[in-house]
């Protein structure tokens, strides 16, 4: 369950997802492959997951290069300036972006922290009530 929550948080912050996609997908592939086919399956799953992660991490760079090539071939100077301006950030902007990412992750973590125990308690109370109604006393 913790792995699913961590993966969901990574999907939400796409900037960091692309950098760690090979590691996360290789780990997931190794886990699934190991559960299905043992050590050989784990190795194959890790290789497949790592390959998929490399494709995901390189996707953003390909799109940036395409936009830059299009601007160069058409002679669009304004587009080239916009592309270069988007790449450069001041130190203050980088710090503010980092703070926003941390706040988003903390917010998601707090939501999970409060929601999962509520769901767990609700299911266990339903089971306890069902046992009491069937005449089997619930363990306390």
N, C-alpha and C. Protein backbone atom coordinates (compact mmCIF):
# COMPACT_ATOMS: atom_id res chain seq x y z
N UNK A 1 0.82 -1.19 0.00
CA UNK A 1 0.00 0.00 0.00
C UNK A 1 0.87 1.26 0.00
N UNK A 2 1.97 1.22 0.74
CA UNK A 2 2.86 2.37 0.79
C UNK A 2 3.51 2.61 -0.57
N UNK A 3 3.81 1.53 -1.28
CA UNK A 3 4.42 1.68 -2.60
C UNK A 3 3.46 2.33 -3.58
N UNK A 4 2.18 1.99 -3.48
CA UNK A 4 1.17 2.58 -4.36
C UNK A 4 1.03 4.06 -4.06
N UNK A 5 1.02 4.42 -2.78
CA UNK A 5 0.92 5.83 -2.40
C UNK A 5 2.14 6.61 -2.88
N UNK A 6 3.32 6.01 -2.74
CA UNK A 6 4.54 6.70 -3.19
C UNK A 6 4.53 6.88 -4.70
N UNK A 7 4.07 5.87 -5.43
CA UNK A 7 4.01 5.98 -6.88
C UNK A 7 3.00 7.03 -7.30
N UNK A 8 1.88 7.10 -6.60
CA UNK A 8 0.87 8.12 -6.91
C UNK A 8 1.42 9.52 -6.69
N UNK A 9 2.19 9.71 -5.62
CA UNK A 9 2.78 11.02 -5.37
C UNK A 9 3.79 11.37 -6.46
N UNK A 10 4.51 10.38 -6.95
CA UNK A 10 5.48 10.64 -8.01
C UNK A 10 4.80 11.03 -9.32
N UNK A 11 3.64 10.41 -9.59
CA UNK A 11 2.92 10.78 -10.80
C UNK A 11 2.43 12.21 -10.74
N UNK A 12 2.09 12.68 -9.53
CA UNK A 12 1.56 14.02 -9.40
C UNK A 12 2.59 15.10 -9.64
N UNK A 13 3.82 14.85 -9.28
CA UNK A 13 4.85 15.86 -9.56
C UNK A 13 5.67 15.38 -10.74
N UNK A 14 5.23 15.76 -11.94
CA UNK A 14 5.80 15.21 -13.17
C UNK A 14 7.26 15.58 -13.36
N UNK A 15 7.71 16.69 -12.80
CA UNK A 15 9.11 17.07 -12.97
C UNK A 15 10.04 16.06 -12.32
N UNK A 16 9.70 15.62 -11.13
CA UNK A 16 10.56 14.66 -10.46
C UNK A 16 10.30 13.24 -10.97
N UNK A 17 9.13 12.98 -11.53
CA UNK A 17 8.81 11.64 -12.00
C UNK A 17 9.74 11.22 -13.13
N UNK A 18 10.04 12.15 -14.03
CA UNK A 18 10.88 11.80 -15.17
C UNK A 18 12.30 11.45 -14.75
N UNK A 19 12.78 12.04 -13.67
CA UNK A 19 14.15 11.75 -13.26
C UNK A 19 14.28 10.41 -12.57
N UNK A 20 13.24 9.97 -11.87
CA UNK A 20 13.34 8.71 -11.14
C UNK A 20 12.50 7.59 -11.74
N UNK A 21 11.92 7.82 -12.91
CA UNK A 21 11.09 6.80 -13.56
C UNK A 21 11.85 5.50 -13.81
N UNK A 22 13.11 5.52 -14.27
CA UNK A 22 13.79 4.24 -14.49
C UNK A 22 13.94 3.42 -13.21
N UNK A 23 14.27 4.08 -12.12
CA UNK A 23 14.44 3.36 -10.85
C UNK A 23 13.12 2.80 -10.35
N UNK A 24 12.07 3.62 -10.37
CA UNK A 24 10.77 3.18 -9.87
C UNK A 24 10.20 2.04 -10.71
N UNK A 25 10.28 2.19 -12.02
CA UNK A 25 9.72 1.14 -12.89
C UNK A 25 10.56 -0.13 -12.86
N UNK A 26 11.87 -0.01 -12.69
CA UNK A 26 12.69 -1.22 -12.57
C UNK A 26 12.37 -1.96 -11.28
N UNK A 27 12.15 -1.22 -10.21
CA UNK A 27 11.78 -1.85 -8.94
C UNK A 27 10.43 -2.53 -9.04
N UNK A 28 9.46 -1.84 -9.63
CA UNK A 28 8.13 -2.43 -9.80
C UNK A 28 8.19 -3.67 -10.70
N UNK A 29 8.95 -3.57 -11.79
CA UNK A 29 9.08 -4.71 -12.69
C UNK A 29 9.75 -5.90 -12.03
N UNK A 30 10.77 -5.63 -11.20
CA UNK A 30 11.43 -6.73 -10.50
C UNK A 30 10.50 -7.37 -9.49
N UNK A 31 9.71 -6.57 -8.81
CA UNK A 31 8.76 -7.12 -7.83
C UNK A 31 7.71 -7.98 -8.49
N UNK A 32 7.14 -7.50 -9.57
CA UNK A 32 6.10 -8.25 -10.27
C UNK A 32 6.69 -9.50 -10.92
N UNK A 33 7.85 -9.33 -11.57
CA UNK A 33 8.50 -10.49 -12.21
C UNK A 33 8.91 -11.54 -11.20
N UNK A 34 9.40 -11.11 -10.04
CA UNK A 34 9.79 -12.06 -9.00
C UNK A 34 8.60 -12.81 -8.43
N UNK A 35 7.47 -12.12 -8.29
CA UNK A 35 6.27 -12.77 -7.76
C UNK A 35 5.70 -13.76 -8.76
N UNK A 36 5.83 -13.46 -10.05
CA UNK A 36 5.22 -14.31 -11.07
C UNK A 36 6.15 -15.47 -11.47
N UNK A 37 7.45 -15.17 -11.69
CA UNK A 37 8.31 -16.20 -12.27
C UNK A 37 9.63 -16.40 -11.55
N UNK A 38 9.75 -15.95 -10.33
CA UNK A 38 10.98 -16.20 -9.56
C UNK A 38 12.12 -15.28 -9.96
N UNK A 39 13.36 -15.71 -9.70
CA UNK A 39 14.52 -14.85 -9.95
C UNK A 39 14.70 -14.47 -11.41
N UNK A 40 14.47 -15.36 -12.31
CA UNK A 40 14.60 -15.04 -13.74
C UNK A 40 13.56 -14.01 -14.17
N UNK A 41 12.36 -14.16 -13.67
CA UNK A 41 11.30 -13.20 -13.97
C UNK A 41 11.60 -11.84 -13.36
N UNK A 42 12.23 -11.84 -12.18
CA UNK A 42 12.60 -10.57 -11.54
C UNK A 42 13.62 -9.83 -12.39
N UNK A 43 14.59 -10.56 -12.91
CA UNK A 43 15.59 -9.92 -13.76
C UNK A 43 14.97 -9.37 -15.03
N UNK A 44 14.10 -10.15 -15.66
CA UNK A 44 13.45 -9.69 -16.88
C UNK A 44 12.53 -8.50 -16.60
N UNK A 45 11.81 -8.55 -15.48
CA UNK A 45 10.92 -7.45 -15.12
C UNK A 45 11.69 -6.18 -14.82
N UNK A 46 12.84 -6.31 -14.14
CA UNK A 46 13.67 -5.14 -13.85
C UNK A 46 14.21 -4.53 -15.13
N UNK A 47 14.64 -5.35 -16.06
CA UNK A 47 15.16 -4.83 -17.34
C UNK A 47 14.06 -4.13 -18.12
N UNK A 48 12.87 -4.73 -18.16
CA UNK A 48 11.75 -4.12 -18.88
C UNK A 48 11.33 -2.81 -18.23
N UNK A 49 11.26 -2.79 -16.90
CA UNK A 49 10.87 -1.57 -16.20
C UNK A 49 11.89 -0.46 -16.38
N UNK A 50 13.16 -0.81 -16.35
CA UNK A 50 14.21 0.19 -16.55
C UNK A 50 14.16 0.76 -17.96
N UNK A 51 13.93 -0.08 -18.94
CA UNK A 51 13.82 0.38 -20.32
C UNK A 51 12.64 1.34 -20.48
N UNK A 52 11.49 0.98 -19.90
CA UNK A 52 10.32 1.87 -19.98
C UNK A 52 10.61 3.20 -19.28
N UNK A 53 11.31 3.15 -18.15
CA UNK A 53 11.65 4.37 -17.44
C UNK A 53 12.59 5.26 -18.24
N UNK A 54 13.54 4.66 -18.95
CA UNK A 54 14.45 5.45 -19.79
C UNK A 54 13.69 6.13 -20.92
N UNK A 55 12.71 5.46 -21.47
CA UNK A 55 11.90 6.05 -22.54
C UNK A 55 11.11 7.24 -21.98
N UNK A 56 10.52 7.09 -20.79
CA UNK A 56 9.75 8.17 -20.17
C UNK A 56 10.66 9.35 -19.84
N UNK A 57 11.84 9.08 -19.31
CA UNK A 57 12.72 10.18 -18.91
C UNK A 57 13.26 10.95 -20.11
N UNK A 58 13.39 10.32 -21.25
CA UNK A 58 13.89 11.01 -22.43
C UNK A 58 12.83 11.69 -23.27
N UNK A 59 11.57 11.45 -22.94
CA UNK A 59 10.47 12.00 -23.73
C UNK A 59 10.42 13.53 -23.69
N UNK A 60 10.65 14.12 -22.55
CA UNK A 60 10.62 15.58 -22.44
C UNK A 60 11.72 16.24 -23.24
N UNK A 61 12.90 15.64 -23.24
CA UNK A 61 14.01 16.21 -23.99
C UNK A 61 13.74 16.18 -25.49
N UNK A 62 13.12 15.13 -25.97
CA UNK A 62 12.81 15.02 -27.40
C UNK A 62 11.83 16.12 -27.80
N UNK A 63 10.84 16.40 -26.98
CA UNK A 63 9.88 17.45 -27.31
C UNK A 63 10.54 18.82 -27.32
N UNK A 64 11.46 19.07 -26.38
CA UNK A 64 12.17 20.35 -26.36
C UNK A 64 13.03 20.52 -27.61
N UNK A 65 13.70 19.45 -28.02
CA UNK A 65 14.56 19.52 -29.20
C UNK A 65 13.72 19.74 -30.46
N UNK A 66 12.56 19.11 -30.54
CA UNK A 66 11.67 19.32 -31.69
C UNK A 66 11.23 20.77 -31.79
N UNK A 67 10.85 21.36 -30.66
CA UNK A 67 10.40 22.76 -30.66
C UNK A 67 11.54 23.69 -31.07
N UNK A 68 12.73 23.42 -30.57
CA UNK A 68 13.88 24.25 -30.91
C UNK A 68 14.25 24.10 -32.39
N UNK A 69 14.19 22.89 -32.90
CA UNK A 69 14.50 22.66 -34.32
C UNK A 69 13.49 23.35 -35.22
N UNK A 70 12.22 23.29 -34.83
CA UNK A 70 11.18 23.95 -35.62
C UNK A 70 11.40 25.46 -35.63
N UNK A 71 11.75 26.02 -34.47
CA UNK A 71 11.99 27.47 -34.40
C UNK A 71 13.22 27.86 -35.23
N UNK A 72 14.23 27.01 -35.23
CA UNK A 72 15.44 27.31 -36.02
C UNK A 72 15.18 27.24 -37.52
N UNK A 73 14.42 26.24 -37.95
CA UNK A 73 14.19 26.07 -39.38
C UNK A 73 13.25 27.12 -39.93
N UNK A 74 12.30 27.59 -39.13
CA UNK A 74 11.38 28.61 -39.62
C UNK A 74 11.91 30.02 -39.40
N UNK A 75 13.00 30.16 -38.66
CA UNK A 75 13.57 31.48 -38.41
C UNK A 75 12.78 32.28 -37.39
N UNK A 76 12.10 31.61 -36.50
CA UNK A 76 11.28 32.27 -35.49
C UNK A 76 12.15 32.66 -34.29
N UNK A 77 12.59 33.90 -34.28
CA UNK A 77 13.50 34.37 -33.23
C UNK A 77 12.78 34.47 -31.89
N UNK A 78 11.52 34.91 -31.91
CA UNK A 78 10.76 35.05 -30.66
C UNK A 78 10.60 33.69 -29.97
N UNK A 79 10.33 32.65 -30.74
CA UNK A 79 10.18 31.30 -30.15
C UNK A 79 11.51 30.83 -29.55
N UNK A 80 12.62 31.13 -30.22
CA UNK A 80 13.93 30.76 -29.67
C UNK A 80 14.20 31.48 -28.36
N UNK A 81 13.84 32.76 -28.29
CA UNK A 81 14.04 33.51 -27.05
C UNK A 81 13.17 32.94 -25.94
N UNK A 82 11.93 32.59 -26.26
CA UNK A 82 11.04 32.01 -25.26
C UNK A 82 11.56 30.65 -24.76
N UNK A 83 12.10 29.85 -25.67
CA UNK A 83 12.64 28.55 -25.27
C UNK A 83 13.83 28.72 -24.32
N UNK A 84 14.71 29.68 -24.63
CA UNK A 84 15.88 29.90 -23.78
C UNK A 84 15.48 30.53 -22.45
N UNK A 85 14.47 31.40 -22.46
CA UNK A 85 14.02 32.05 -21.22
C UNK A 85 13.39 31.03 -20.28
N UNK A 86 12.72 30.04 -20.85
CA UNK A 86 12.10 29.01 -20.01
C UNK A 86 13.12 28.12 -19.33
N UNK A 87 14.30 27.98 -19.93
CA UNK A 87 15.33 27.12 -19.36
C UNK A 87 16.04 27.77 -18.18
N UNK A 88 16.17 29.09 -18.21
CA UNK A 88 16.93 29.76 -17.16
C UNK A 88 15.99 30.27 -16.07
N UNK A 89 16.29 29.88 -14.83
CA UNK A 89 15.54 30.33 -13.67
C UNK A 89 16.52 30.92 -12.68
N UNK A 90 16.03 31.90 -11.96
CA UNK A 90 16.89 32.47 -10.92
C UNK A 90 16.92 31.52 -9.73
N UNK A 91 17.86 31.75 -8.84
CA UNK A 91 17.95 30.92 -7.65
C UNK A 91 16.71 31.03 -6.78
N UNK A 92 16.14 32.23 -6.71
CA UNK A 92 14.93 32.44 -5.92
C UNK A 92 13.76 31.64 -6.48
N UNK A 93 13.62 31.65 -7.83
CA UNK A 93 12.54 30.88 -8.46
C UNK A 93 12.70 29.39 -8.20
N UNK A 94 13.92 28.91 -8.23
CA UNK A 94 14.17 27.49 -7.97
C UNK A 94 13.80 27.14 -6.52
N UNK A 95 14.13 28.02 -5.57
CA UNK A 95 13.80 27.77 -4.17
C UNK A 95 12.29 27.77 -3.97
N UNK A 96 11.60 28.73 -4.59
CA UNK A 96 10.14 28.81 -4.46
C UNK A 96 9.49 27.57 -5.07
N UNK A 97 9.96 27.14 -6.23
CA UNK A 97 9.42 25.92 -6.84
C UNK A 97 9.65 24.71 -5.95
N UNK A 98 10.82 24.63 -5.33
CA UNK A 98 11.10 23.53 -4.41
C UNK A 98 10.17 23.54 -3.21
N UNK A 99 9.89 24.72 -2.69
CA UNK A 99 8.99 24.83 -1.54
C UNK A 99 7.58 24.39 -1.94
N UNK A 100 7.13 24.81 -3.13
CA UNK A 100 5.80 24.39 -3.59
C UNK A 100 5.73 22.88 -3.76
N UNK A 101 6.76 22.27 -4.28
CA UNK A 101 6.75 20.81 -4.44
C UNK A 101 6.69 20.11 -3.09
N UNK A 102 7.45 20.61 -2.13
CA UNK A 102 7.44 20.01 -0.79
C UNK A 102 6.06 20.17 -0.17
N UNK A 103 5.44 21.34 -0.33
CA UNK A 103 4.11 21.55 0.23
C UNK A 103 3.07 20.63 -0.41
N UNK A 104 3.17 20.43 -1.73
CA UNK A 104 2.26 19.49 -2.39
C UNK A 104 2.44 18.07 -1.85
N UNK A 105 3.69 17.65 -1.73
CA UNK A 105 3.94 16.29 -1.22
C UNK A 105 3.45 16.15 0.21
N UNK A 106 3.66 17.18 1.03
CA UNK A 106 3.18 17.13 2.41
C UNK A 106 1.65 17.08 2.46
N UNK A 107 1.01 17.85 1.60
CA UNK A 107 -0.45 17.83 1.55
C UNK A 107 -0.99 16.46 1.15
N UNK A 108 -0.37 15.85 0.17
CA UNK A 108 -0.80 14.52 -0.26
C UNK A 108 -0.53 13.50 0.86
N UNK A 109 0.63 13.63 1.50
CA UNK A 109 0.94 12.72 2.61
C UNK A 109 -0.03 12.87 3.76
N UNK A 110 -0.42 14.09 4.08
CA UNK A 110 -1.38 14.30 5.17
C UNK A 110 -2.74 13.74 4.80
N UNK A 111 -3.15 13.89 3.53
CA UNK A 111 -4.43 13.33 3.10
C UNK A 111 -4.41 11.80 3.25
N UNK A 112 -3.32 11.19 2.85
CA UNK A 112 -3.21 9.74 3.00
C UNK A 112 -3.19 9.36 4.47
N UNK A 113 -2.48 10.15 5.27
CA UNK A 113 -2.36 9.89 6.72
C UNK A 113 -3.72 9.89 7.40
N UNK A 114 -4.63 10.76 6.96
CA UNK A 114 -5.94 10.84 7.58
C UNK A 114 -6.97 9.92 6.94
N UNK A 115 -6.87 9.66 5.66
CA UNK A 115 -7.89 8.88 4.97
C UNK A 115 -7.71 7.38 5.17
N UNK A 116 -6.50 6.87 5.07
CA UNK A 116 -6.29 5.42 5.19
C UNK A 116 -6.73 4.85 6.53
N UNK A 117 -6.41 5.47 7.68
CA UNK A 117 -6.91 4.92 8.94
C UNK A 117 -8.43 4.94 9.03
N UNK A 118 -9.05 5.95 8.44
CA UNK A 118 -10.51 6.03 8.46
C UNK A 118 -11.11 4.86 7.68
N UNK A 119 -10.54 4.56 6.51
CA UNK A 119 -11.03 3.43 5.71
C UNK A 119 -10.79 2.12 6.43
N UNK A 120 -9.61 1.97 7.04
CA UNK A 120 -9.29 0.74 7.76
C UNK A 120 -10.25 0.54 8.93
N UNK A 121 -10.51 1.59 9.71
CA UNK A 121 -11.40 1.47 10.86
C UNK A 121 -12.82 1.16 10.40
N UNK A 122 -13.26 1.78 9.33
CA UNK A 122 -14.61 1.54 8.83
C UNK A 122 -14.81 0.08 8.44
N UNK A 123 -13.83 -0.51 7.77
CA UNK A 123 -13.97 -1.91 7.36
C UNK A 123 -13.94 -2.85 8.56
N UNK A 124 -13.10 -2.54 9.55
CA UNK A 124 -13.03 -3.40 10.73
C UNK A 124 -14.27 -3.28 11.60
N UNK A 125 -14.87 -2.11 11.66
CA UNK A 125 -16.11 -1.95 12.42
C UNK A 125 -17.23 -2.72 11.74
N UNK A 126 -17.29 -2.69 10.42
CA UNK A 126 -18.30 -3.46 9.70
C UNK A 126 -18.16 -4.95 9.98
N UNK A 127 -16.93 -5.45 10.00
CA UNK A 127 -16.70 -6.86 10.29
C UNK A 127 -17.10 -7.20 11.71
N UNK A 128 -16.80 -6.32 12.65
CA UNK A 128 -17.15 -6.58 14.05
C UNK A 128 -18.65 -6.57 14.25
N UNK A 129 -19.36 -5.67 13.59
CA UNK A 129 -20.82 -5.61 13.71
C UNK A 129 -21.43 -6.85 13.07
N UNK A 130 -20.89 -7.28 11.95
CA UNK A 130 -21.41 -8.48 11.28
C UNK A 130 -21.21 -9.71 12.16
N UNK A 131 -20.08 -9.80 12.85
CA UNK A 131 -19.84 -10.93 13.74
C UNK A 131 -20.81 -10.91 14.91
N UNK A 132 -21.08 -9.73 15.46
CA UNK A 132 -22.00 -9.61 16.59
C UNK A 132 -23.41 -9.98 16.16
N UNK A 133 -23.84 -9.58 14.98
CA UNK A 133 -25.17 -9.88 14.51
C UNK A 133 -25.34 -11.37 14.22
N UNK A 134 -24.26 -12.05 13.83
CA UNK A 134 -24.34 -13.48 13.55
C UNK A 134 -24.19 -14.32 14.80
N UNK A 135 -24.02 -13.68 15.94
CA UNK A 135 -23.95 -14.41 17.20
C UNK A 135 -22.53 -14.76 17.63
N UNK A 136 -21.55 -14.43 16.87
CA UNK A 136 -20.16 -14.69 17.23
C UNK A 136 -19.62 -13.42 17.87
N UNK A 137 -19.22 -13.49 19.13
CA UNK A 137 -18.71 -12.26 19.77
C UNK A 137 -17.40 -11.81 19.13
N UNK A 138 -17.28 -10.50 18.98
CA UNK A 138 -16.08 -9.93 18.39
C UNK A 138 -14.97 -9.92 19.41
N UNK A 139 -13.74 -10.10 18.94
CA UNK A 139 -12.58 -10.04 19.83
C UNK A 139 -12.34 -8.60 20.22
N UNK A 140 -11.99 -8.39 21.47
CA UNK A 140 -11.71 -7.02 21.90
C UNK A 140 -10.28 -6.84 22.29
